[in-house]
Amino acid sequence: ALHGYVMTDGKLHADDTPVQVLLPGNKKTKTGRLWAYVRDDRNAGSALAPAVWFAYSPDRKGIHPQTHLACFSGVLQADAYAGFNELYRNGGITEAACWAHARRKIHDMHVRIPSALTEEALEQIGQLYA
């Protein structure tokens, strides 16, 4: 029920994070992934309850978000992880890139090689959140 509610919003935020998983019968851990899919349109005036649906996968292969989002259509805000790219190919899901991830890459470049262009880009991104 929660999965269905989250997937019917038309706008989702998605991200994944590594999680250490203890292998059965073994004292070693393996890195799995915990995927979070969030619907929350309160900042756009929605009275609908926000919600998050989590999914686990044993690795970060793109097939996992493709499977998780098989019934979703709309706008997906996520990082630039290549595993999401297949979702954008057929037009059912529109990419809304994450400014925080973009800003981080521009900031890293600005620290290494400061320029007027990177400074202006950081300033413009900052205005989005002012």
Protein backbone atom coordinates (compact mmCIF):
# COMPACT_ATOMS: atom_id res chain seq x y z
CA ALA A 1 0.00 0.00 0.00
CA LEU A 2 2.80 2.44 0.88
CA HIS A 3 4.65 1.67 -2.35
CA GLY A 4 1.51 2.39 -4.38
CA TYR A 5 0.83 5.65 -2.52
CA VAL A 6 4.38 6.92 -3.05
CA MET A 7 4.44 5.95 -6.73
CA THR A 8 1.15 7.73 -7.60
CA ASP A 9 2.39 11.23 -6.81
CA GLY A 10 3.84 12.20 -10.19
CA LYS A 11 6.88 13.80 -8.52
CA LEU A 12 9.46 11.78 -6.62
CA HIS A 13 12.81 12.32 -4.98
CA ALA A 14 15.14 9.32 -5.06
CA ASP A 15 18.48 8.51 -3.53
CA ASP A 16 20.44 5.51 -2.38
CA THR A 17 23.00 4.95 0.32
CA PRO A 18 25.43 2.11 1.01
CA VAL A 19 24.62 -0.24 3.87
CA GLN A 20 26.80 -2.98 5.30
CA VAL A 21 25.03 -6.36 5.34
CA LEU A 22 26.23 -9.37 7.30
CA LEU A 23 26.28 -12.41 5.06
CA PRO A 24 24.47 -15.47 6.52
CA GLY A 25 26.89 -18.00 8.00
CA ASN A 26 29.80 -15.65 7.45
CA LYS A 27 31.43 -13.00 9.60
CA LYS A 28 32.12 -10.79 6.60
CA THR A 29 29.96 -7.95 5.44
CA LYS A 30 28.96 -6.98 1.93
CA THR A 31 27.89 -3.55 0.73
CA GLY A 32 24.24 -3.46 -0.24
CA ARG A 33 22.12 -0.43 -1.10
CA LEU A 34 19.14 1.14 0.61
CA TRP A 35 17.00 3.11 -1.84
CA ALA A 36 14.65 5.87 -0.66
CA TYR A 37 11.76 7.16 -2.77
CA VAL A 38 10.02 10.22 -1.33
CA ARG A 39 6.82 12.03 -2.22
CA ASP A 40 6.44 15.38 -0.52
CA ASP A 41 4.70 18.26 -2.24
CA ARG A 42 3.95 20.34 0.85
CA ASN A 43 6.14 23.18 -0.41
CA ALA A 44 3.85 23.38 -3.47
CA GLY A 45 0.77 23.68 -1.27
CA SER A 46 -0.30 20.04 -1.28
CA ALA A 47 -2.33 18.82 1.69
CA LEU A 48 -1.50 15.18 0.88
CA ALA A 49 0.64 13.40 3.44
CA PRO A 50 4.31 13.04 2.56
CA ALA A 51 5.67 9.50 2.52
CA VAL A 52 8.82 7.53 1.86
CA TRP A 53 9.20 3.99 0.55
CA PHE A 54 12.48 2.14 1.09
CA ALA A 55 13.85 -0.75 -0.91
CA TYR A 56 16.97 -2.85 -0.42
CA SER A 57 19.21 -4.25 -3.13
CA PRO A 58 22.40 -6.30 -2.84
CA ASP A 59 24.25 -3.97 -5.25
CA ARG A 60 23.88 -0.66 -7.09
CA LYS A 61 22.97 -1.99 -10.53
CA GLY A 62 20.56 0.18 -12.52
CA ILE A 63 18.07 -2.66 -12.78
CA HIS A 64 17.05 -2.02 -9.17
CA PRO A 65 15.69 1.54 -9.55
CA GLN A 66 14.22 0.47 -12.89
CA THR A 67 12.32 -2.30 -11.11
CA HIS A 68 11.37 -0.11 -8.15
CA LEU A 69 9.99 2.60 -10.45
CA ALA A 70 8.36 0.34 -13.06
CA CYS A 71 4.87 1.67 -12.26
CA PHE A 72 5.93 5.32 -11.83
CA SER A 73 5.53 8.07 -14.39
CA GLY A 74 6.25 11.72 -13.78
CA VAL A 75 9.21 13.78 -12.59
CA LEU A 76 12.10 12.12 -10.77
CA GLN A 77 14.56 14.28 -8.86
CA ALA A 78 17.75 12.35 -8.25
CA ASP A 79 21.50 12.56 -8.50
CA ALA A 80 23.26 11.93 -11.79
CA TYR A 81 23.73 8.21 -11.13
CA ALA A 82 23.90 6.49 -14.54
CA GLY A 83 21.61 3.71 -13.29
CA PHE A 84 18.68 6.13 -13.57
CA ASN A 85 19.37 6.95 -17.24
CA GLU A 86 17.38 4.04 -18.65
CA LEU A 87 14.31 5.39 -16.83
CA TYR A 88 14.48 8.64 -18.81
CA ARG A 89 14.80 7.05 -22.27
CA ASN A 90 11.15 6.23 -23.01
CA GLY A 91 9.76 9.60 -21.89
CA GLY A 92 7.57 8.26 -19.08
CA ILE A 93 9.89 9.71 -16.46
CA THR A 94 11.37 13.20 -16.70
CA GLU A 95 14.71 13.90 -15.04
CA ALA A 96 14.95 16.76 -12.55
CA ALA A 97 18.61 16.85 -11.65
CA CYS A 98 19.69 17.58 -8.09
CA TRP A 99 21.21 21.04 -7.64
CA ALA A 100 23.05 19.98 -4.48
CA HIS A 101 24.99 17.36 -6.45
CA ALA A 102 25.66 19.79 -9.30
CA ARG A 103 26.77 22.48 -6.87
CA ARG A 104 29.19 20.09 -5.17
CA LYS A 105 30.96 19.34 -8.45
CA ILE A 106 31.16 23.05 -9.34
CA HIS A 107 32.41 23.87 -5.83
CA ASP A 108 35.13 21.19 -6.08
CA MET A 109 36.22 22.65 -9.41
CA HIS A 110 36.20 26.17 -7.95
CA VAL A 111 38.44 25.05 -5.08
CA ARG A 112 40.91 23.46 -7.52
CA ILE A 113 40.78 26.11 -10.25
CA PRO A 114 38.95 29.27 -9.15
CA SER A 115 37.40 31.21 -12.00
CA ALA A 116 34.78 33.87 -12.59
CA LEU A 117 32.60 31.22 -14.26
CA THR A 118 32.60 28.82 -11.29
CA GLU A 119 32.11 31.73 -8.88
CA GLU A 120 29.09 32.95 -10.84
CA ALA A 121 27.66 29.43 -11.08
CA LEU A 122 27.91 29.00 -7.30
CA GLU A 123 26.29 32.39 -6.79
CA GLN A 124 23.41 31.56 -9.17
CA ILE A 125 22.79 28.20 -7.48
CA GLY A 126 22.86 29.96 -4.11
CA GLN A 127 20.08 32.27 -5.32
CA LEU A 128 17.85 29.25 -5.84
CA TYR A 129 17.88 28.69 -2.09
CA ALA A 130 17.85 32.33 -0.91
